[in-house]
Amino acid sequence: VQADYSCNAINRRPYDYQVFKPNDDFDVRWTIVNTGRRTMLAGLDLKYSIGEQFVAVDRVELPELEPGEDVTVTFDAVAPDRPGNYIMTYIVEGGLCYPYAAITVERP
């Protein structure tokens, strides 16, 4: 059964565990698709939830999205300054979906 309100993040960039050097600049990009049966009203927040925050923006208001419609959001990001694997997760208000970025920072 399809939910009244739900979404999915597709065409995510960077790819999971894409490798960067410390302090590399890169873009985080998600296409948010309304996969629910009802319209997502304008003004729902896409906001930072948990993990290493690579971007300076912690909240973006989404436009109205009819079922099947999508919107792409892009953030300027900077890789952490120390090696390791990092995951940054955002949430669409109401817990409709959880876009994330997972990267690897290699030793310089």
Protein backbone atom coordinates (compact mmCIF):
# COMPACT_ATOMS: atom_id res chain seq x y z
CA VAL A 1 0.00 0.00 0.00
CA GLN A 2 1.41 3.36 -1.03
CA ALA A 3 1.68 5.92 1.79
CA ASP A 4 -0.16 9.23 1.60
CA TYR A 5 3.07 11.11 2.31
CA SER A 6 6.51 9.80 1.43
CA CYS A 7 9.53 10.69 -0.64
CA ASN A 8 12.79 9.27 -1.89
CA ALA A 9 16.20 10.78 -2.62
CA ILE A 10 17.51 9.72 -6.02
CA ASN A 11 20.46 10.73 -8.20
CA ARG A 12 22.51 11.27 -5.07
CA ARG A 13 25.98 12.76 -5.40
CA PRO A 14 28.60 12.07 -4.29
CA TYR A 15 28.31 8.33 -4.84
CA ASP A 16 28.44 6.26 -1.65
CA TYR A 17 31.93 6.35 -0.16
CA GLN A 18 33.40 8.37 -2.98
CA VAL A 19 36.99 9.23 -2.01
CA PHE A 20 38.14 12.78 -1.25
CA LYS A 21 41.26 14.34 0.20
CA PRO A 22 41.04 16.30 3.46
CA ASN A 23 39.33 19.69 2.97
CA ASP A 24 38.39 18.97 -0.68
CA ASP A 25 35.48 21.03 -2.01
CA PHE A 26 32.62 19.07 -3.59
CA ASP A 27 28.87 19.26 -4.17
CA VAL A 28 26.17 17.28 -2.38
CA ARG A 29 23.17 16.84 -4.66
CA TRP A 30 19.87 15.06 -4.04
CA THR A 31 16.75 14.84 -6.15
CA ILE A 32 13.78 14.58 -3.79
CA VAL A 33 10.83 12.74 -5.40
CA ASN A 34 7.32 12.75 -3.93
CA THR A 35 6.51 9.02 -3.85
CA GLY A 36 3.32 9.48 -1.84
CA ARG A 37 -0.31 9.67 -2.96
CA ARG A 38 -0.81 13.25 -1.73
CA THR A 39 0.82 16.59 -2.48
CA MET A 40 3.78 17.62 -0.31
CA LEU A 41 2.92 21.20 0.61
CA ALA A 42 5.37 24.04 -0.02
CA GLY A 43 7.52 24.93 2.96
CA LEU A 44 8.39 21.46 4.25
CA ASP A 45 11.93 21.61 5.58
CA LEU A 46 14.81 19.49 4.36
CA LYS A 47 17.03 19.75 7.43
CA TYR A 48 20.22 18.40 8.92
CA SER A 49 19.62 15.39 11.15
CA ILE A 50 22.78 13.53 12.19
CA GLY A 51 26.39 12.77 11.33
CA GLU A 52 29.37 14.80 10.16
CA GLN A 53 27.98 17.96 8.59
CA PHE A 54 29.96 18.77 5.42
CA VAL A 55 27.76 21.72 4.39
CA ALA A 56 27.07 25.13 5.93
CA VAL A 57 23.33 25.04 5.18
CA ASP A 58 21.33 23.13 7.78
CA ARG A 59 17.81 23.78 6.43
CA VAL A 60 16.12 24.32 3.05
CA GLU A 61 12.41 24.82 2.37
CA LEU A 62 11.07 22.56 -0.35
CA PRO A 63 8.52 23.69 -2.96
CA GLU A 64 5.12 22.06 -3.38
CA LEU A 65 5.50 18.64 -4.97
CA GLU A 66 2.62 16.78 -6.54
CA PRO A 67 2.87 12.95 -6.49
CA GLY A 68 5.68 11.95 -8.86
CA GLU A 69 7.19 15.45 -9.02
CA ASP A 70 10.74 16.12 -7.89
CA VAL A 71 13.12 18.90 -6.96
CA THR A 72 16.93 18.85 -6.95
CA VAL A 73 18.87 20.49 -4.14
CA THR A 74 22.60 21.15 -4.30
CA PHE A 75 24.90 22.14 -1.46
CA ASP A 76 28.53 23.28 -1.46
CA ALA A 77 30.44 20.90 0.79
CA VAL A 78 33.92 20.49 2.27
CA ALA A 79 35.41 17.13 3.23
CA PRO A 80 36.50 16.76 6.87
CA ASP A 81 40.17 17.43 7.58
CA ARG A 82 40.94 13.94 8.91
CA PRO A 83 40.87 10.52 7.19
CA GLY A 84 37.89 8.22 7.69
CA ASN A 85 34.39 7.32 6.55
CA TYR A 86 31.67 9.90 7.16
CA ILE A 87 27.89 9.93 6.76
CA MET A 88 25.75 13.07 6.85
CA THR A 89 21.98 12.56 7.04
CA TYR A 90 19.21 15.08 6.45
CA ILE A 91 15.46 14.57 6.96
CA VAL A 92 12.42 15.83 5.11
CA GLU A 93 10.10 17.28 7.75
CA GLY A 94 7.68 14.67 9.05
CA GLY A 95 10.17 11.84 8.47
CA LEU A 96 9.09 11.47 4.84
CA CYS A 97 12.61 10.46 3.73
CA TYR A 98 16.23 10.67 4.84
CA PRO A 99 18.66 11.85 2.15
CA TYR A 100 22.28 11.15 3.04
CA ALA A 101 25.82 11.50 1.77
CA ALA A 102 28.51 8.95 2.65
CA ILE A 103 32.13 9.75 1.81
CA THR A 104 35.62 8.51 2.50
CA VAL A 105 38.45 10.92 3.27
CA GLU A 106 41.83 9.42 2.45
CA ARG A 107 45.16 10.28 3.95
CA PRO A 108 46.87 13.21 2.21
